[in-house]
Amino acid sequence: MAYYKIKTPITAEAVERLISGDQISISGYIYSGRDLAHKRLVKLISENKDLPIDLKGQIIFYAGPTPARPGKPVGSIGPTTSYRMDAYATILYKIGVKATIGKGPRGNKVKKALKKYKAVYLATMGGAAALISKSVVSAEVIAYPELGPEAIWKLKVKNFPCIVINDTKGGDLYQEGKNKYMKNK
């Protein structure tokens, strides 16, 4: 396991060197979006229409920020359960998304897509949304403002902490950890 500092947009080379268990710190821009935003993006893709943002080489954080306090870019912003985006993830990886951030395990279809399209799934601290928000330098809604916190937000982050759960080679930290724990029992 290693530690990497990643700048966005993320390159294919940077993604492919990551392995499950690696810790990373992201600086640059990432996009947040949840169920409704993902559904709209996939609908546009299926209709061969332009997307509101170019997702090639980008990172999507499965989150919706709470309203910001005065002087802050966002309120609390923590990961939502990732499997809720599994129905949309494969299509987004296919068009060039290189990483997604959330919490919890992914389904087999998503893990196969990560290998096929050379992308990674990252996790960040669930339950520590106020702490995570300290990594957000600026935030602006760039698509679907009517969705409120579930809109697509462009977040400028500095030293945003994550751990690689699923890598491009089929590694799965949740499974590896379970296997290691079960061996010791």
N, C-alpha and C. Protein backbone atom coordinates (compact mmCIF):
# COMPACT_ATOMS: atom_id res chain seq x y z
N MET A 1 0.83 -1.18 0.00
CA MET A 1 0.00 0.00 0.00
C MET A 1 0.88 1.25 0.00
N ALA A 2 0.44 2.21 -0.78
CA ALA A 2 1.23 3.43 -0.95
C ALA A 2 0.36 4.65 -0.70
N TYR A 3 1.00 5.81 -0.70
CA TYR A 3 0.30 7.08 -0.56
C TYR A 3 0.64 7.94 -1.77
N TYR A 4 -0.39 8.47 -2.43
CA TYR A 4 -0.19 9.30 -3.61
C TYR A 4 -0.93 10.62 -3.47
N LYS A 5 -0.34 11.66 -4.02
CA LYS A 5 -1.02 12.94 -4.18
C LYS A 5 -1.46 12.99 -5.64
N ILE A 6 -2.75 13.19 -5.84
CA ILE A 6 -3.33 13.19 -7.18
C ILE A 6 -3.86 14.58 -7.50
N LYS A 7 -3.58 15.02 -8.73
CA LYS A 7 -4.14 16.28 -9.21
C LYS A 7 -5.15 15.95 -10.31
N THR A 8 -6.22 16.73 -10.36
CA THR A 8 -7.24 16.49 -11.37
C THR A 8 -7.06 17.46 -12.53
N PRO A 9 -7.52 17.10 -13.74
CA PRO A 9 -8.14 15.81 -14.05
C PRO A 9 -7.11 14.68 -13.93
N ILE A 10 -7.61 13.52 -13.59
CA ILE A 10 -6.74 12.39 -13.32
C ILE A 10 -6.35 11.70 -14.63
N THR A 11 -5.10 11.35 -14.76
CA THR A 11 -4.62 10.71 -15.99
C THR A 11 -4.79 9.20 -15.91
N ALA A 12 -4.80 8.58 -17.09
CA ALA A 12 -4.90 7.13 -17.16
C ALA A 12 -3.72 6.48 -16.43
N GLU A 13 -2.54 7.06 -16.58
CA GLU A 13 -1.34 6.51 -15.93
C GLU A 13 -1.48 6.56 -14.40
N ALA A 14 -2.01 7.65 -13.89
CA ALA A 14 -2.19 7.78 -12.44
C ALA A 14 -3.20 6.76 -11.92
N VAL A 15 -4.26 6.55 -12.66
CA VAL A 15 -5.29 5.59 -12.26
C VAL A 15 -4.72 4.18 -12.25
N GLU A 16 -3.98 3.82 -13.29
CA GLU A 16 -3.49 2.45 -13.41
C GLU A 16 -2.42 2.09 -12.40
N ARG A 17 -1.74 3.05 -11.81
CA ARG A 17 -0.73 2.70 -10.80
C ARG A 17 -1.36 2.48 -9.42
N LEU A 18 -2.61 2.91 -9.24
CA LEU A 18 -3.27 2.74 -7.95
C LEU A 18 -3.70 1.30 -7.73
N ILE A 19 -3.52 0.83 -6.50
CA ILE A 19 -4.00 -0.51 -6.14
C ILE A 19 -4.85 -0.41 -4.88
N SER A 20 -5.73 -1.37 -4.72
CA SER A 20 -6.62 -1.35 -3.56
C SER A 20 -5.79 -1.24 -2.28
N GLY A 21 -6.24 -0.36 -1.41
CA GLY A 21 -5.54 -0.12 -0.16
C GLY A 21 -4.67 1.13 -0.18
N ASP A 22 -4.33 1.63 -1.37
CA ASP A 22 -3.54 2.86 -1.45
C ASP A 22 -4.34 4.02 -0.88
N GLN A 23 -3.64 4.91 -0.21
CA GLN A 23 -4.25 6.14 0.29
C GLN A 23 -3.89 7.25 -0.68
N ILE A 24 -4.88 8.11 -0.96
CA ILE A 24 -4.60 9.22 -1.86
C ILE A 24 -5.15 10.52 -1.30
N SER A 25 -4.57 11.58 -1.78
CA SER A 25 -4.98 12.94 -1.44
C SER A 25 -5.22 13.63 -2.78
N ILE A 26 -6.44 14.13 -2.98
CA ILE A 26 -6.81 14.74 -4.26
C ILE A 26 -6.82 16.26 -4.13
N SER A 27 -6.22 16.92 -5.11
CA SER A 27 -6.28 18.38 -5.21
C SER A 27 -6.68 18.73 -6.63
N GLY A 28 -7.51 19.75 -6.76
CA GLY A 28 -8.02 20.16 -8.07
C GLY A 28 -9.53 20.21 -8.02
N TYR A 29 -10.17 19.88 -9.14
CA TYR A 29 -11.63 19.91 -9.21
C TYR A 29 -12.19 18.51 -9.26
N ILE A 30 -13.24 18.28 -8.50
CA ILE A 30 -14.04 17.06 -8.59
C ILE A 30 -15.49 17.50 -8.71
N TYR A 31 -16.34 16.59 -9.12
CA TYR A 31 -17.76 16.90 -9.27
C TYR A 31 -18.57 16.04 -8.32
N SER A 32 -19.58 16.65 -7.70
CA SER A 32 -20.47 15.87 -6.86
C SER A 32 -21.77 15.64 -7.60
N GLY A 33 -22.40 14.55 -7.29
CA GLY A 33 -23.69 14.23 -7.89
C GLY A 33 -24.25 12.99 -7.23
N ARG A 34 -25.55 12.95 -7.15
CA ARG A 34 -26.22 11.80 -6.56
C ARG A 34 -27.19 11.19 -7.57
N ASP A 35 -28.10 10.40 -7.09
CA ASP A 35 -29.01 9.60 -7.91
C ASP A 35 -29.68 10.37 -9.04
N LEU A 36 -30.37 11.45 -8.71
CA LEU A 36 -31.14 12.17 -9.72
C LEU A 36 -30.25 12.78 -10.80
N ALA A 37 -29.12 13.33 -10.40
CA ALA A 37 -28.19 13.90 -11.39
C ALA A 37 -27.63 12.80 -12.29
N HIS A 38 -27.29 11.66 -11.72
CA HIS A 38 -26.77 10.54 -12.52
C HIS A 38 -27.82 10.07 -13.52
N LYS A 39 -29.05 9.98 -13.06
CA LYS A 39 -30.13 9.54 -13.95
C LYS A 39 -30.25 10.49 -15.14
N ARG A 40 -30.15 11.78 -14.89
CA ARG A 40 -30.24 12.77 -15.98
C ARG A 40 -29.05 12.67 -16.94
N LEU A 41 -27.86 12.49 -16.40
CA LEU A 41 -26.68 12.35 -17.27
C LEU A 41 -26.81 11.14 -18.18
N VAL A 42 -27.20 10.01 -17.61
CA VAL A 42 -27.32 8.78 -18.39
C VAL A 42 -28.41 8.91 -19.44
N LYS A 43 -29.48 9.61 -19.12
CA LYS A 43 -30.56 9.85 -20.11
C LYS A 43 -30.01 10.65 -21.29
N LEU A 44 -29.24 11.70 -21.01
CA LEU A 44 -28.65 12.49 -22.08
C LEU A 44 -27.72 11.64 -22.95
N ILE A 45 -26.93 10.80 -22.30
CA ILE A 45 -26.01 9.92 -23.04
C ILE A 45 -26.81 8.97 -23.94
N SER A 46 -27.87 8.37 -23.39
CA SER A 46 -28.68 7.43 -24.19
C SER A 46 -29.38 8.11 -25.35
N GLU A 47 -29.64 9.41 -25.22
CA GLU A 47 -30.29 10.18 -26.29
C GLU A 47 -29.26 10.85 -27.21
N ASN A 48 -27.98 10.55 -27.00
CA ASN A 48 -26.90 11.12 -27.80
C ASN A 48 -26.87 12.64 -27.74
N LYS A 49 -27.18 13.20 -26.58
CA LYS A 49 -27.18 14.65 -26.41
C LYS A 49 -25.94 15.07 -25.63
N ASP A 50 -25.60 16.34 -25.74
CA ASP A 50 -24.44 16.87 -25.02
C ASP A 50 -24.68 16.88 -23.51
N LEU A 51 -23.62 16.60 -22.78
CA LEU A 51 -23.66 16.66 -21.32
C LEU A 51 -23.37 18.09 -20.86
N PRO A 52 -23.82 18.46 -19.66
CA PRO A 52 -23.53 19.80 -19.17
C PRO A 52 -22.07 20.01 -18.79
N ILE A 53 -21.31 18.92 -18.67
CA ILE A 53 -19.88 18.99 -18.34
C ILE A 53 -19.15 17.88 -19.10
N ASP A 54 -17.86 18.10 -19.33
CA ASP A 54 -17.02 17.06 -19.94
C ASP A 54 -16.51 16.18 -18.80
N LEU A 55 -16.87 14.92 -18.81
CA LEU A 55 -16.51 14.02 -17.72
C LEU A 55 -15.23 13.22 -17.98
N LYS A 56 -14.60 13.40 -19.12
CA LYS A 56 -13.37 12.64 -19.41
C LYS A 56 -12.27 12.99 -18.41
N GLY A 57 -11.74 11.96 -17.76
CA GLY A 57 -10.66 12.15 -16.80
C GLY A 57 -11.10 12.71 -15.46
N GLN A 58 -12.40 12.76 -15.24
CA GLN A 58 -12.91 13.40 -14.03
C GLN A 58 -13.22 12.40 -12.91
N ILE A 59 -13.44 12.98 -11.74
CA ILE A 59 -13.80 12.23 -10.54
C ILE A 59 -15.17 12.71 -10.09
N ILE A 60 -16.06 11.75 -9.81
CA ILE A 60 -17.39 12.08 -9.30
C ILE A 60 -17.48 11.62 -7.85
N PHE A 61 -17.87 12.54 -6.99
CA PHE A 61 -18.06 12.28 -5.57
C PHE A 61 -19.56 12.11 -5.33
N TYR A 62 -19.96 10.95 -4.86
CA TYR A 62 -21.37 10.67 -4.58
C TYR A 62 -21.76 11.39 -3.29
N ALA A 63 -22.15 12.63 -3.43
CA ALA A 63 -22.46 13.44 -2.26
C ALA A 63 -23.34 14.62 -2.65
N GLY A 64 -23.95 15.20 -1.66
CA GLY A 64 -24.71 16.43 -1.83
C GLY A 64 -24.44 17.30 -0.63
N PRO A 65 -23.83 18.46 -0.82
CA PRO A 65 -23.47 19.30 0.33
C PRO A 65 -24.67 19.94 1.01
N THR A 66 -24.55 20.14 2.30
CA THR A 66 -25.56 20.90 3.02
C THR A 66 -25.25 22.38 2.80
N PRO A 67 -26.23 23.26 3.08
CA PRO A 67 -25.97 24.70 2.87
C PRO A 67 -24.75 25.19 3.64
N ALA A 68 -24.04 26.10 3.00
CA ALA A 68 -22.81 26.64 3.58
C ALA A 68 -23.11 27.67 4.66
N ARG A 69 -22.28 27.69 5.68
CA ARG A 69 -22.33 28.77 6.67
C ARG A 69 -21.61 29.97 6.08
N PRO A 70 -21.87 31.15 6.58
CA PRO A 70 -21.20 32.35 6.04
C PRO A 70 -19.68 32.18 6.00
N GLY A 71 -19.11 32.51 4.85
CA GLY A 71 -17.66 32.44 4.68
C GLY A 71 -17.13 31.07 4.30
N LYS A 72 -17.99 30.07 4.20
CA LYS A 72 -17.58 28.71 3.84
C LYS A 72 -18.14 28.34 2.48
N PRO A 73 -17.42 27.51 1.69
CA PRO A 73 -17.93 27.14 0.37
C PRO A 73 -19.08 26.13 0.41
N VAL A 74 -19.07 25.25 1.41
CA VAL A 74 -20.12 24.25 1.58
C VAL A 74 -20.32 24.00 3.06
N GLY A 75 -21.46 23.38 3.37
CA GLY A 75 -21.66 22.87 4.72
C GLY A 75 -21.02 21.49 4.79
N SER A 76 -21.60 20.62 5.55
CA SER A 76 -21.11 19.25 5.61
C SER A 76 -21.28 18.58 4.25
N ILE A 77 -20.34 17.73 3.90
CA ILE A 77 -20.43 17.01 2.63
C ILE A 77 -19.79 15.64 2.79
N GLY A 78 -20.64 14.66 2.97
CA GLY A 78 -20.15 13.30 3.17
C GLY A 78 -20.61 12.38 2.07
N PRO A 79 -19.96 11.24 1.93
CA PRO A 79 -20.30 10.30 0.87
C PRO A 79 -21.64 9.62 1.12
N THR A 80 -22.35 9.36 0.04
CA THR A 80 -23.57 8.58 0.14
C THR A 80 -23.25 7.14 -0.29
N THR A 81 -24.16 6.25 -0.03
CA THR A 81 -23.97 4.84 -0.34
C THR A 81 -23.86 4.63 -1.85
N SER A 82 -22.76 4.09 -2.27
CA SER A 82 -22.41 4.04 -3.69
C SER A 82 -23.25 3.09 -4.53
N TYR A 83 -23.72 1.99 -3.96
CA TYR A 83 -24.44 1.03 -4.79
C TYR A 83 -25.68 1.65 -5.42
N ARG A 84 -26.16 2.76 -4.85
CA ARG A 84 -27.33 3.44 -5.44
C ARG A 84 -26.99 4.01 -6.82
N MET A 85 -25.71 4.20 -7.12
CA MET A 85 -25.30 4.72 -8.42
C MET A 85 -24.83 3.60 -9.36
N ASP A 86 -24.88 2.36 -8.90
CA ASP A 86 -24.39 1.24 -9.72
C ASP A 86 -25.08 1.16 -11.08
N ALA A 87 -26.36 1.47 -11.14
CA ALA A 87 -27.10 1.40 -12.41
C ALA A 87 -26.56 2.39 -13.45
N TYR A 88 -25.90 3.44 -13.00
CA TYR A 88 -25.41 4.50 -13.90
C TYR A 88 -23.89 4.46 -14.10
N ALA A 89 -23.19 3.85 -13.19
CA ALA A 89 -21.72 3.94 -13.16
C ALA A 89 -21.05 3.42 -14.42
N THR A 90 -21.45 2.26 -14.91
CA THR A 90 -20.79 1.65 -16.06
C THR A 90 -20.79 2.60 -17.26
N ILE A 91 -21.91 3.24 -17.51
CA ILE A 91 -22.04 4.16 -18.65
C ILE A 91 -21.10 5.36 -18.46
N LEU A 92 -20.99 5.85 -17.24
CA LEU A 92 -20.13 7.01 -16.98
C LEU A 92 -18.65 6.64 -17.09
N TYR A 93 -18.29 5.44 -16.63
CA TYR A 93 -16.90 5.00 -16.82
C TYR A 93 -16.60 4.86 -18.31
N LYS A 94 -17.56 4.35 -19.06
CA LYS A 94 -17.37 4.15 -20.50
C LYS A 94 -17.09 5.47 -21.22
N ILE A 95 -17.70 6.57 -20.78
CA ILE A 95 -17.47 7.85 -21.46
C ILE A 95 -16.26 8.60 -20.91
N GLY A 96 -15.57 8.01 -19.92
CA GLY A 96 -14.31 8.61 -19.50
C GLY A 96 -14.14 9.00 -18.05
N VAL A 97 -15.16 8.83 -17.20
CA VAL A 97 -14.97 9.08 -15.77
C VAL A 97 -13.89 8.13 -15.28
N LYS A 98 -12.89 8.65 -14.56
CA LYS A 98 -11.76 7.83 -14.13
C LYS A 98 -11.82 7.41 -12.67
N ALA A 99 -12.68 8.06 -11.89
CA ALA A 99 -12.80 7.66 -10.48
C ALA A 99 -14.14 8.13 -9.94
N THR A 100 -14.66 7.35 -9.01
CA THR A 100 -15.84 7.75 -8.25
C THR A 100 -15.50 7.60 -6.78
N ILE A 101 -16.15 8.42 -5.96
CA ILE A 101 -15.90 8.41 -4.52
C ILE A 101 -17.23 8.23 -3.80
N GLY A 102 -17.25 7.32 -2.85
CA GLY A 102 -18.46 7.11 -2.06
C GLY A 102 -18.15 6.31 -0.82
N LYS A 103 -19.13 5.51 -0.42
CA LYS A 103 -18.91 4.59 0.69
C LYS A 103 -19.66 3.30 0.41
N GLY A 104 -19.13 2.22 0.94
CA GLY A 104 -19.74 0.91 0.76
C GLY A 104 -19.27 0.21 -0.50
N PRO A 105 -19.55 -1.11 -0.57
CA PRO A 105 -19.08 -1.92 -1.70
C PRO A 105 -19.86 -1.66 -2.98
N ARG A 106 -19.25 -2.06 -4.10
CA ARG A 106 -19.86 -1.95 -5.43
C ARG A 106 -20.24 -3.34 -5.91
N GLY A 107 -21.19 -3.38 -6.83
CA GLY A 107 -21.63 -4.64 -7.42
C GLY A 107 -20.63 -5.17 -8.43
N ASN A 108 -20.79 -6.43 -8.80
CA ASN A 108 -19.88 -7.08 -9.74
C ASN A 108 -19.84 -6.38 -11.10
N LYS A 109 -20.98 -5.90 -11.58
CA LYS A 109 -21.02 -5.22 -12.88
C LYS A 109 -20.13 -3.98 -12.86
N VAL A 110 -20.16 -3.24 -11.77
CA VAL A 110 -19.33 -2.04 -11.64
C VAL A 110 -17.86 -2.43 -11.56
N LYS A 111 -17.54 -3.46 -10.78
CA LYS A 111 -16.14 -3.88 -10.66
C LYS A 111 -15.57 -4.34 -12.00
N LYS A 112 -16.39 -5.00 -12.82
CA LYS A 112 -15.95 -5.39 -14.17
C LYS A 112 -15.73 -4.15 -15.03
N ALA A 113 -16.61 -3.16 -14.91
CA ALA A 113 -16.48 -1.92 -15.69
C ALA A 113 -15.21 -1.17 -15.30
N LEU A 114 -14.85 -1.19 -14.02
CA LEU A 114 -13.62 -0.52 -13.58
C LEU A 114 -12.41 -1.13 -14.27
N LYS A 115 -12.39 -2.44 -14.38
CA LYS A 115 -11.28 -3.11 -15.08
C LYS A 115 -11.31 -2.78 -16.57
N LYS A 116 -12.48 -2.88 -17.18
CA LYS A 116 -12.61 -2.68 -18.62
C LYS A 116 -12.26 -1.26 -19.05
N TYR A 117 -12.74 -0.27 -18.28
CA TYR A 117 -12.56 1.13 -18.68
C TYR A 117 -11.44 1.83 -17.92
N LYS A 118 -10.67 1.05 -17.16
CA LYS A 118 -9.50 1.57 -16.44
C LYS A 118 -9.86 2.76 -15.54
N ALA A 119 -10.71 2.47 -14.55
CA ALA A 119 -11.14 3.47 -13.58
C ALA A 119 -11.01 2.86 -12.18
N VAL A 120 -11.16 3.68 -11.16
CA VAL A 120 -11.07 3.21 -9.78
C VAL A 120 -12.26 3.71 -8.97
N TYR A 121 -12.55 2.96 -7.92
CA TYR A 121 -13.56 3.37 -6.96
C TYR A 121 -12.84 3.68 -5.66
N LEU A 122 -13.10 4.86 -5.14
CA LEU A 122 -12.46 5.35 -3.92
C LEU A 122 -13.51 5.51 -2.83
N ALA A 123 -13.07 5.41 -1.59
CA ALA A 123 -13.95 5.68 -0.46
C ALA A 123 -13.35 6.79 0.37
N THR A 124 -14.23 7.55 0.99
CA THR A 124 -13.80 8.55 1.94
C THR A 124 -14.61 8.34 3.21
N MET A 125 -14.30 9.06 4.23
CA MET A 125 -14.84 8.82 5.56
C MET A 125 -16.33 9.08 5.66
N GLY A 126 -17.11 8.04 5.81
CA GLY A 126 -18.52 8.19 6.11
C GLY A 126 -18.65 8.65 7.55
N GLY A 127 -19.60 9.52 7.83
CA GLY A 127 -19.80 10.00 9.19
C GLY A 127 -18.89 11.14 9.60
N ALA A 128 -18.05 11.59 8.68
CA ALA A 128 -17.13 12.69 8.99
C ALA A 128 -17.31 13.83 7.99
N ALA A 129 -18.56 14.10 7.64
CA ALA A 129 -18.85 15.09 6.60
C ALA A 129 -18.33 16.49 6.93
N ALA A 130 -18.39 16.87 8.19
CA ALA A 130 -17.88 18.20 8.57
C ALA A 130 -16.37 18.27 8.37
N LEU A 131 -15.67 17.19 8.66
CA LEU A 131 -14.23 17.14 8.47
C LEU A 131 -13.87 17.17 6.98
N ILE A 132 -14.58 16.39 6.18
CA ILE A 132 -14.32 16.35 4.75
C ILE A 132 -14.52 17.73 4.13
N SER A 133 -15.53 18.46 4.60
CA SER A 133 -15.82 19.77 4.02
C SER A 133 -14.64 20.74 4.14
N LYS A 134 -13.74 20.48 5.07
CA LYS A 134 -12.57 21.34 5.22
C LYS A 134 -11.60 21.22 4.05
N SER A 135 -11.75 20.15 3.25
CA SER A 135 -10.92 19.98 2.06
C SER A 135 -11.48 20.73 0.86
N VAL A 136 -12.72 21.25 0.98
CA VAL A 136 -13.36 21.94 -0.13
C VAL A 136 -13.01 23.43 -0.06
N VAL A 137 -12.34 23.92 -1.10
CA VAL A 137 -11.88 25.30 -1.17
C VAL A 137 -12.96 26.21 -1.77
N SER A 138 -13.66 25.69 -2.81
CA SER A 138 -14.75 26.45 -3.42
C SER A 138 -15.77 25.47 -3.99
N ALA A 139 -16.98 25.98 -4.20
CA ALA A 139 -18.05 25.13 -4.72
C ALA A 139 -19.03 25.97 -5.52
N GLU A 140 -19.46 25.41 -6.64
CA GLU A 140 -20.50 26.08 -7.42
C GLU A 140 -21.36 25.03 -8.11
N VAL A 141 -22.65 25.31 -8.19
CA VAL A 141 -23.57 24.44 -8.91
C VAL A 141 -23.35 24.68 -10.39
N ILE A 142 -23.14 23.60 -11.16
CA ILE A 142 -22.92 23.78 -12.59
C ILE A 142 -23.98 23.10 -13.46
N ALA A 143 -24.84 22.29 -12.84
CA ALA A 143 -25.93 21.66 -13.60
C ALA A 143 -27.04 21.23 -12.64
N TYR A 144 -28.25 21.38 -13.10
CA TYR A 144 -29.45 20.94 -12.39
C TYR A 144 -29.65 21.62 -11.04
N PRO A 145 -29.61 22.95 -11.00
CA PRO A 145 -29.77 23.67 -9.73
C PRO A 145 -31.09 23.37 -9.02
N GLU A 146 -32.10 23.00 -9.79
CA GLU A 146 -33.40 22.69 -9.19
C GLU A 146 -33.35 21.46 -8.28
N LEU A 147 -32.26 20.69 -8.35
CA LEU A 147 -32.11 19.51 -7.49
C LEU A 147 -31.52 19.86 -6.12
N GLY A 148 -31.22 21.13 -5.90
CA GLY A 148 -30.66 21.55 -4.60
C GLY A 148 -29.33 20.87 -4.34
N PRO A 149 -29.17 20.28 -3.16
CA PRO A 149 -27.88 19.65 -2.85
C PRO A 149 -27.55 18.46 -3.77
N GLU A 150 -28.58 17.91 -4.44
CA GLU A 150 -28.33 16.80 -5.36
C GLU A 150 -27.96 17.25 -6.77
N ALA A 151 -27.82 18.56 -6.97
CA ALA A 151 -27.37 19.10 -8.25
C ALA A 151 -25.93 18.63 -8.49
N ILE A 152 -25.42 18.94 -9.67
CA ILE A 152 -24.00 18.66 -9.92
C ILE A 152 -23.22 19.90 -9.49
N TRP A 153 -22.32 19.68 -8.55
CA TRP A 153 -21.47 20.74 -8.01
C TRP A 153 -20.05 20.55 -8.51
N LYS A 154 -19.40 21.64 -8.84
CA LYS A 154 -17.97 21.62 -9.15
C LYS A 154 -17.27 22.06 -7.88
N LEU A 155 -16.49 21.16 -7.32
CA LEU A 155 -15.82 21.40 -6.05
C LEU A 155 -14.31 21.52 -6.27
N LYS A 156 -13.75 22.61 -5.84
CA LYS A 156 -12.29 22.72 -5.83
C LYS A 156 -11.85 22.17 -4.48
N VAL A 157 -10.99 21.15 -4.52
CA VAL A 157 -10.56 20.51 -3.28
C VAL A 157 -9.05 20.59 -3.13
N LYS A 158 -8.63 20.53 -1.89
CA LYS A 158 -7.20 20.51 -1.57
C LYS A 158 -6.99 19.43 -0.52
N ASN A 159 -6.15 18.46 -0.86
CA ASN A 159 -5.83 17.35 0.05
C ASN A 159 -7.08 16.61 0.53
N PHE A 160 -7.93 16.28 -0.42
CA PHE A 160 -9.16 15.55 -0.14
C PHE A 160 -8.79 14.08 0.08
N PRO A 161 -9.05 13.52 1.27
CA PRO A 161 -8.56 12.18 1.61
C PRO A 161 -9.46 11.04 1.11
N CYS A 162 -8.83 10.04 0.48
CA CYS A 162 -9.55 8.86 0.00
C CYS A 162 -8.66 7.63 0.15
N ILE A 163 -9.30 6.49 0.01
CA ILE A 163 -8.58 5.22 -0.05
C ILE A 163 -9.11 4.45 -1.25
N VAL A 164 -8.23 3.76 -1.96
CA VAL A 164 -8.63 3.00 -3.14
C VAL A 164 -9.28 1.70 -2.66
N ILE A 165 -10.54 1.50 -3.06
CA ILE A 165 -11.26 0.27 -2.72
C ILE A 165 -11.15 -0.73 -3.87
N ASN A 166 -11.55 -0.29 -5.07
CA ASN A 166 -11.48 -1.16 -6.26
C ASN A 166 -10.55 -0.53 -7.27
N ASP A 167 -9.60 -1.34 -7.76
CA ASP A 167 -8.63 -0.82 -8.73
C ASP A 167 -8.88 -1.37 -10.13
N THR A 168 -8.02 -1.01 -11.06
CA THR A 168 -8.18 -1.41 -12.47
C THR A 168 -7.81 -2.87 -12.72
N LYS A 169 -7.24 -3.51 -11.73
CA LYS A 169 -6.79 -4.89 -11.89
C LYS A 169 -7.72 -5.90 -11.22
N GLY A 170 -8.81 -5.41 -10.64
CA GLY A 170 -9.75 -6.30 -9.97
C GLY A 170 -9.59 -6.35 -8.46
N GLY A 171 -8.66 -5.59 -7.91
CA GLY A 171 -8.49 -5.56 -6.46
C GLY A 171 -9.72 -4.99 -5.78
N ASP A 172 -10.04 -5.53 -4.61
CA ASP A 172 -11.20 -5.10 -3.84
C ASP A 172 -10.81 -5.10 -2.36
N LEU A 173 -10.56 -3.91 -1.83
CA LEU A 173 -10.10 -3.80 -0.44
C LEU A 173 -11.11 -4.39 0.55
N TYR A 174 -12.40 -4.23 0.29
CA TYR A 174 -13.39 -4.80 1.20
C TYR A 174 -13.28 -6.32 1.25
N GLN A 175 -13.12 -6.94 0.07
CA GLN A 175 -12.99 -8.39 0.02
C GLN A 175 -11.65 -8.84 0.61
N GLU A 176 -10.58 -8.14 0.28
CA GLU A 176 -9.25 -8.49 0.79
C GLU A 176 -9.21 -8.37 2.31
N GLY A 177 -9.82 -7.31 2.84
CA GLY A 177 -9.87 -7.12 4.29
C GLY A 177 -10.69 -8.20 4.96
N LYS A 178 -11.80 -8.56 4.35
CA LYS A 178 -12.66 -9.62 4.88
C LYS A 178 -11.92 -10.95 4.90
N ASN A 179 -11.23 -11.26 3.79
CA ASN A 179 -10.48 -12.51 3.71
C ASN A 179 -9.37 -12.55 4.77
N LYS A 180 -8.68 -11.44 4.95
CA LYS A 180 -7.60 -11.38 5.94
C LYS A 180 -8.17 -11.53 7.35
N TYR A 181 -9.27 -10.85 7.62
CA TYR A 181 -9.89 -10.93 8.95
C TYR A 181 -10.40 -12.34 9.23
N MET A 182 -11.03 -12.94 8.26
CA MET A 182 -11.60 -14.28 8.45
C MET A 182 -10.51 -15.34 8.65
N LYS A 183 -9.35 -15.16 8.00
CA LYS A 183 -8.23 -16.09 8.17
C LYS A 183 -7.73 -16.10 9.61
N ASN A 184 -7.74 -14.92 10.23
CA ASN A 184 -7.21 -14.80 11.59
C ASN A 184 -8.17 -15.28 12.66
N LYS A 185 -9.35 -15.65 12.31
CA LYS A 185 -10.33 -16.10 13.31
C LYS A 185 -10.20 -17.57 13.59
